[in-house]
Amino acid sequence: MKKETVIWTVGIQCRAEDEVKFNSWYDDIHVPMLLQGNCVNKVTRFKIADHDYHVGTTTQTCPNYLTIYEFESQEKFDEWMNSPARAEAGDDKVKTWGDNGYELKWASLYQLTNAWNVQ
């Protein structure tokens, strides 16, 4: 199996009134469900520091949460995408939130091109 790191990034907009419930569910239930099956190497979550990202003359409104799922290879990502653990987590998401609570703004898959480590 060819090992080339890929990451799955997910941008989520959570309603302010659901933030405590959302974070508890996401951290304690959703991510642990998605980690089953030994496909995911690492999950990292971030909360936005600035809701409007400014670069040059462009301003982009960003979702308030970012999750990065890291996989050792495209094959592991594909296995995860079709796994029982991911299906179960998706069913739980619908059961817990329905169409309310948070909005998935985007999800994207990236392949590693280079990495730098500072010693």
N, C-alpha and C. Protein backbone atom coordinates (compact mmCIF):
# COMPACT_ATOMS: atom_id res chain seq x y z
N MET A 1 0.84 -1.18 0.00
CA MET A 1 0.00 0.00 0.00
C MET A 1 0.89 1.24 0.00
N LYS A 2 0.66 2.14 -0.93
CA LYS A 2 1.39 3.39 -1.03
C LYS A 2 0.99 4.30 0.13
N LYS A 3 1.98 4.83 0.85
CA LYS A 3 1.68 5.67 2.00
C LYS A 3 1.99 7.13 1.67
N GLU A 4 0.95 7.87 1.38
CA GLU A 4 1.05 9.30 1.15
C GLU A 4 -0.08 9.95 1.95
N THR A 5 0.30 10.70 2.96
CA THR A 5 -0.67 11.31 3.86
C THR A 5 -1.73 12.10 3.11
N VAL A 6 -2.98 11.92 3.52
CA VAL A 6 -4.07 12.77 3.04
C VAL A 6 -4.82 13.29 4.27
N ILE A 7 -5.41 14.48 4.11
CA ILE A 7 -6.23 15.03 5.17
C ILE A 7 -7.61 15.35 4.62
N TRP A 8 -8.61 15.17 5.48
CA TRP A 8 -10.01 15.51 5.19
C TRP A 8 -10.32 16.68 6.10
N THR A 9 -10.60 17.85 5.52
CA THR A 9 -10.90 19.03 6.31
C THR A 9 -12.40 19.30 6.25
N VAL A 10 -12.96 19.67 7.39
CA VAL A 10 -14.39 19.90 7.51
C VAL A 10 -14.61 21.26 8.17
N GLY A 11 -15.35 22.13 7.51
CA GLY A 11 -15.71 23.44 8.06
C GLY A 11 -17.15 23.42 8.54
N ILE A 12 -17.36 23.71 9.81
CA ILE A 12 -18.69 23.62 10.42
C ILE A 12 -19.09 24.95 11.03
N GLN A 13 -20.31 25.36 10.74
CA GLN A 13 -20.89 26.55 11.37
C GLN A 13 -21.91 26.08 12.39
N CYS A 14 -21.66 26.39 13.64
CA CYS A 14 -22.53 25.98 14.74
C CYS A 14 -23.29 27.20 15.25
N ARG A 15 -24.58 27.01 15.52
CA ARG A 15 -25.36 28.10 16.10
C ARG A 15 -24.88 28.36 17.53
N ALA A 16 -24.81 29.63 17.91
CA ALA A 16 -24.31 30.01 19.24
C ALA A 16 -25.07 29.32 20.36
N GLU A 17 -26.38 29.20 20.21
CA GLU A 17 -27.19 28.58 21.27
C GLU A 17 -26.97 27.07 21.41
N ASP A 18 -26.34 26.45 20.41
CA ASP A 18 -26.07 25.01 20.45
C ASP A 18 -24.60 24.68 20.68
N GLU A 19 -23.78 25.69 20.88
CA GLU A 19 -22.34 25.48 20.92
C GLU A 19 -21.88 24.52 22.02
N VAL A 20 -22.38 24.64 23.21
CA VAL A 20 -21.96 23.76 24.32
C VAL A 20 -22.37 22.32 24.01
N LYS A 21 -23.62 22.13 23.62
CA LYS A 21 -24.10 20.78 23.28
C LYS A 21 -23.33 20.22 22.09
N PHE A 22 -23.11 21.04 21.08
CA PHE A 22 -22.40 20.60 19.87
C PHE A 22 -20.98 20.13 20.22
N ASN A 23 -20.23 20.95 20.96
CA ASN A 23 -18.85 20.59 21.29
C ASN A 23 -18.77 19.33 22.13
N SER A 24 -19.66 19.19 23.08
CA SER A 24 -19.70 17.98 23.91
C SER A 24 -19.97 16.76 23.04
N TRP A 25 -20.98 16.84 22.18
CA TRP A 25 -21.32 15.73 21.30
C TRP A 25 -20.18 15.43 20.32
N TYR A 26 -19.65 16.46 19.69
CA TYR A 26 -18.61 16.26 18.67
C TYR A 26 -17.36 15.62 19.28
N ASP A 27 -16.91 16.16 20.42
CA ASP A 27 -15.68 15.68 21.05
C ASP A 27 -15.84 14.32 21.73
N ASP A 28 -16.98 14.10 22.39
CA ASP A 28 -17.14 12.91 23.22
C ASP A 28 -17.85 11.75 22.53
N ILE A 29 -18.59 12.04 21.45
CA ILE A 29 -19.35 10.99 20.77
C ILE A 29 -18.95 10.85 19.31
N HIS A 30 -19.07 11.94 18.56
CA HIS A 30 -18.88 11.87 17.10
C HIS A 30 -17.46 11.44 16.71
N VAL A 31 -16.45 12.18 17.17
CA VAL A 31 -15.08 11.84 16.80
C VAL A 31 -14.69 10.44 17.29
N PRO A 32 -14.97 10.05 18.54
CA PRO A 32 -14.64 8.68 18.94
C PRO A 32 -15.29 7.61 18.04
N MET A 33 -16.52 7.87 17.57
CA MET A 33 -17.15 6.91 16.66
C MET A 33 -16.36 6.83 15.35
N LEU A 34 -15.91 7.98 14.86
CA LEU A 34 -15.18 8.01 13.59
C LEU A 34 -13.78 7.43 13.69
N LEU A 35 -13.26 7.32 14.90
CA LEU A 35 -11.92 6.76 15.10
C LEU A 35 -11.92 5.22 15.12
N GLN A 36 -13.08 4.62 15.20
CA GLN A 36 -13.15 3.16 15.21
C GLN A 36 -12.69 2.60 13.87
N GLY A 37 -12.01 1.49 13.90
CA GLY A 37 -11.61 0.81 12.68
C GLY A 37 -10.19 1.07 12.22
N ASN A 38 -9.42 1.85 12.97
CA ASN A 38 -8.00 2.07 12.66
C ASN A 38 -7.73 2.64 11.27
N CYS A 39 -8.58 3.51 10.80
CA CYS A 39 -8.34 4.18 9.52
C CYS A 39 -7.75 5.57 9.71
N VAL A 40 -8.19 6.26 10.75
CA VAL A 40 -7.79 7.65 11.00
C VAL A 40 -6.55 7.67 11.89
N ASN A 41 -5.52 8.41 11.48
CA ASN A 41 -4.31 8.55 12.30
C ASN A 41 -4.46 9.60 13.39
N LYS A 42 -5.15 10.69 13.04
CA LYS A 42 -5.21 11.82 13.96
C LYS A 42 -6.40 12.70 13.61
N VAL A 43 -7.02 13.28 14.64
CA VAL A 43 -8.08 14.27 14.44
C VAL A 43 -7.70 15.50 15.25
N THR A 44 -7.79 16.67 14.61
CA THR A 44 -7.48 17.93 15.27
C THR A 44 -8.63 18.90 15.01
N ARG A 45 -9.10 19.57 16.07
CA ARG A 45 -10.18 20.55 15.92
C ARG A 45 -9.68 21.94 16.29
N PHE A 46 -10.25 22.93 15.60
CA PHE A 46 -9.93 24.32 15.86
C PHE A 46 -11.21 25.14 15.92
N LYS A 47 -11.19 26.19 16.73
CA LYS A 47 -12.26 27.18 16.76
C LYS A 47 -11.70 28.45 16.13
N ILE A 48 -12.50 29.11 15.33
CA ILE A 48 -12.02 30.27 14.59
C ILE A 48 -11.60 31.39 15.54
N ALA A 49 -10.52 32.05 15.17
CA ALA A 49 -10.02 33.19 15.94
C ALA A 49 -10.58 34.50 15.40
N ASP A 50 -10.88 34.55 14.10
CA ASP A 50 -11.39 35.74 13.44
C ASP A 50 -12.43 35.29 12.41
N HIS A 51 -13.68 35.65 12.60
CA HIS A 51 -14.76 35.17 11.73
C HIS A 51 -14.63 35.63 10.29
N ASP A 52 -13.96 36.74 10.07
CA ASP A 52 -13.74 37.21 8.71
C ASP A 52 -12.25 37.17 8.42
N TYR A 53 -11.88 36.35 7.46
CA TYR A 53 -10.48 36.20 7.09
C TYR A 53 -10.13 37.25 6.05
N HIS A 54 -9.09 38.01 6.29
CA HIS A 54 -8.69 39.11 5.41
C HIS A 54 -7.33 38.79 4.80
N VAL A 55 -7.28 38.78 3.49
CA VAL A 55 -6.00 38.63 2.79
C VAL A 55 -6.05 39.56 1.58
N GLY A 56 -5.11 40.47 1.54
CA GLY A 56 -5.12 41.46 0.47
C GLY A 56 -6.41 42.27 0.51
N THR A 57 -7.11 42.32 -0.60
CA THR A 57 -8.37 43.06 -0.67
C THR A 57 -9.58 42.15 -0.54
N THR A 58 -9.36 40.89 -0.20
CA THR A 58 -10.44 39.91 -0.10
C THR A 58 -10.80 39.66 1.36
N THR A 59 -12.08 39.61 1.64
CA THR A 59 -12.57 39.22 2.96
C THR A 59 -13.48 38.02 2.77
N GLN A 60 -13.21 36.97 3.49
CA GLN A 60 -13.98 35.73 3.38
C GLN A 60 -14.55 35.39 4.76
N THR A 61 -15.86 35.18 4.85
CA THR A 61 -16.46 34.72 6.09
C THR A 61 -16.22 33.22 6.22
N CYS A 62 -15.74 32.81 7.36
CA CYS A 62 -15.36 31.42 7.58
C CYS A 62 -16.25 30.77 8.63
N PRO A 63 -16.45 29.45 8.53
CA PRO A 63 -17.21 28.74 9.57
C PRO A 63 -16.45 28.78 10.90
N ASN A 64 -17.19 28.60 12.00
CA ASN A 64 -16.55 28.77 13.30
C ASN A 64 -15.76 27.56 13.80
N TYR A 65 -15.86 26.41 13.15
CA TYR A 65 -15.06 25.25 13.55
C TYR A 65 -14.43 24.58 12.34
N LEU A 66 -13.22 24.11 12.54
CA LEU A 66 -12.48 23.36 11.52
C LEU A 66 -12.01 22.06 12.16
N THR A 67 -12.26 20.95 11.49
CA THR A 67 -11.75 19.66 11.94
C THR A 67 -10.89 19.09 10.83
N ILE A 68 -9.73 18.57 11.21
CA ILE A 68 -8.81 17.96 10.25
C ILE A 68 -8.62 16.50 10.65
N TYR A 69 -8.98 15.61 9.72
CA TYR A 69 -8.79 14.17 9.89
C TYR A 69 -7.58 13.78 9.06
N GLU A 70 -6.61 13.11 9.67
CA GLU A 70 -5.39 12.73 8.96
C GLU A 70 -5.35 11.21 8.74
N PHE A 71 -5.01 10.83 7.52
CA PHE A 71 -4.93 9.42 7.12
C PHE A 71 -3.55 9.15 6.53
N GLU A 72 -3.06 7.94 6.72
CA GLU A 72 -1.73 7.61 6.20
C GLU A 72 -1.71 7.45 4.69
N SER A 73 -2.89 7.24 4.07
CA SER A 73 -2.92 7.03 2.62
C SER A 73 -4.32 7.26 2.06
N GLN A 74 -4.40 7.41 0.78
CA GLN A 74 -5.69 7.51 0.10
C GLN A 74 -6.51 6.25 0.33
N GLU A 75 -5.85 5.11 0.35
CA GLU A 75 -6.54 3.84 0.56
C GLU A 75 -7.21 3.80 1.93
N LYS A 76 -6.52 4.28 2.96
CA LYS A 76 -7.11 4.32 4.31
C LYS A 76 -8.30 5.28 4.36
N PHE A 77 -8.18 6.41 3.66
CA PHE A 77 -9.30 7.35 3.60
C PHE A 77 -10.49 6.70 2.92
N ASP A 78 -10.27 6.04 1.79
CA ASP A 78 -11.36 5.37 1.07
C ASP A 78 -12.01 4.30 1.93
N GLU A 79 -11.20 3.55 2.65
CA GLU A 79 -11.72 2.52 3.56
C GLU A 79 -12.61 3.16 4.62
N TRP A 80 -12.14 4.28 5.19
CA TRP A 80 -12.90 4.99 6.22
C TRP A 80 -14.21 5.53 5.68
N MET A 81 -14.17 6.11 4.47
CA MET A 81 -15.38 6.69 3.89
C MET A 81 -16.49 5.64 3.73
N ASN A 82 -16.12 4.39 3.54
CA ASN A 82 -17.09 3.30 3.34
C ASN A 82 -17.22 2.40 4.55
N SER A 83 -16.73 2.84 5.71
CA SER A 83 -16.68 1.98 6.89
C SER A 83 -18.00 1.99 7.66
N PRO A 84 -18.26 0.90 8.40
CA PRO A 84 -19.41 0.86 9.31
C PRO A 84 -19.34 1.97 10.37
N ALA A 85 -18.14 2.30 10.84
CA ALA A 85 -17.98 3.34 11.86
C ALA A 85 -18.47 4.69 11.33
N ARG A 86 -18.13 5.02 10.10
CA ARG A 86 -18.58 6.30 9.54
C ARG A 86 -20.08 6.29 9.31
N ALA A 87 -20.64 5.17 8.86
CA ALA A 87 -22.09 5.07 8.67
C ALA A 87 -22.81 5.24 10.01
N GLU A 88 -22.29 4.60 11.06
CA GLU A 88 -22.89 4.70 12.39
C GLU A 88 -22.83 6.14 12.91
N ALA A 89 -21.68 6.80 12.70
CA ALA A 89 -21.54 8.19 13.13
C ALA A 89 -22.51 9.09 12.37
N GLY A 90 -22.71 8.82 11.09
CA GLY A 90 -23.67 9.59 10.30
C GLY A 90 -25.09 9.40 10.78
N ASP A 91 -25.45 8.17 11.11
CA ASP A 91 -26.79 7.90 11.64
C ASP A 91 -27.00 8.61 12.98
N ASP A 92 -25.97 8.59 13.83
CA ASP A 92 -26.06 9.26 15.12
C ASP A 92 -26.19 10.77 14.94
N LYS A 93 -25.48 11.32 13.97
CA LYS A 93 -25.58 12.76 13.67
C LYS A 93 -27.02 13.14 13.33
N VAL A 94 -27.65 12.38 12.47
CA VAL A 94 -29.04 12.65 12.07
C VAL A 94 -29.98 12.50 13.27
N LYS A 95 -29.77 11.45 14.05
CA LYS A 95 -30.60 11.21 15.23
C LYS A 95 -30.46 12.34 16.26
N THR A 96 -29.25 12.81 16.45
CA THR A 96 -28.97 13.84 17.46
C THR A 96 -29.39 15.23 17.00
N TRP A 97 -29.13 15.57 15.73
CA TRP A 97 -29.30 16.94 15.26
C TRP A 97 -30.39 17.13 14.21
N GLY A 98 -30.76 16.10 13.48
CA GLY A 98 -31.70 16.30 12.38
C GLY A 98 -31.13 17.32 11.42
N ASP A 99 -31.93 18.32 11.06
CA ASP A 99 -31.47 19.39 10.18
C ASP A 99 -31.07 20.64 10.95
N ASN A 100 -30.99 20.55 12.25
CA ASN A 100 -30.72 21.72 13.09
C ASN A 100 -29.40 21.60 13.81
N GLY A 101 -28.97 22.69 14.43
CA GLY A 101 -27.81 22.66 15.31
C GLY A 101 -26.53 23.12 14.67
N TYR A 102 -26.19 22.57 13.52
CA TYR A 102 -24.98 23.02 12.85
C TYR A 102 -25.09 22.75 11.37
N GLU A 103 -24.24 23.47 10.63
CA GLU A 103 -24.24 23.34 9.18
C GLU A 103 -22.84 22.98 8.70
N LEU A 104 -22.75 21.92 7.92
CA LEU A 104 -21.49 21.57 7.28
C LEU A 104 -21.30 22.52 6.11
N LYS A 105 -20.34 23.42 6.21
CA LYS A 105 -20.11 24.43 5.18
C LYS A 105 -19.33 23.87 4.00
N TRP A 106 -18.34 23.01 4.30
CA TRP A 106 -17.56 22.38 3.25
C TRP A 106 -16.74 21.23 3.84
N ALA A 107 -16.34 20.36 2.97
CA ALA A 107 -15.41 19.28 3.32
C ALA A 107 -14.52 19.07 2.10
N SER A 108 -13.22 18.92 2.34
CA SER A 108 -12.28 18.79 1.23
C SER A 108 -11.19 17.80 1.58
N LEU A 109 -10.74 17.08 0.56
CA LEU A 109 -9.65 16.12 0.70
C LEU A 109 -8.39 16.71 0.09
N TYR A 110 -7.29 16.66 0.86
CA TYR A 110 -6.01 17.17 0.38
C TYR A 110 -4.96 16.08 0.45
N GLN A 111 -4.09 16.05 -0.56
CA GLN A 111 -2.94 15.14 -0.57
C GLN A 111 -1.70 15.93 -0.16
N LEU A 112 -0.84 15.28 0.61
CA LEU A 112 0.40 15.90 1.05
C LEU A 112 1.31 16.17 -0.14
N THR A 113 1.83 17.39 -0.20
CA THR A 113 2.81 17.71 -1.25
C THR A 113 4.20 17.93 -0.67
N ASN A 114 4.25 18.43 0.59
CA ASN A 114 5.53 18.66 1.23
C ASN A 114 5.27 18.94 2.71
N ALA A 115 6.30 18.78 3.54
CA ALA A 115 6.19 19.06 4.97
C ALA A 115 7.53 19.58 5.48
N TRP A 116 7.46 20.54 6.40
CA TRP A 116 8.64 21.11 7.01
C TRP A 116 8.51 20.93 8.52
N ASN A 117 9.56 20.53 9.15
CA ASN A 117 9.58 20.39 10.60
C ASN A 117 10.60 21.34 11.18
N VAL A 118 10.22 22.09 12.17
CA VAL A 118 11.12 23.01 12.84
C VAL A 118 11.67 22.30 14.07
N GLN A 119 12.96 22.26 14.20
CA GLN A 119 13.59 21.54 15.32
C GLN A 119 13.90 22.45 16.45
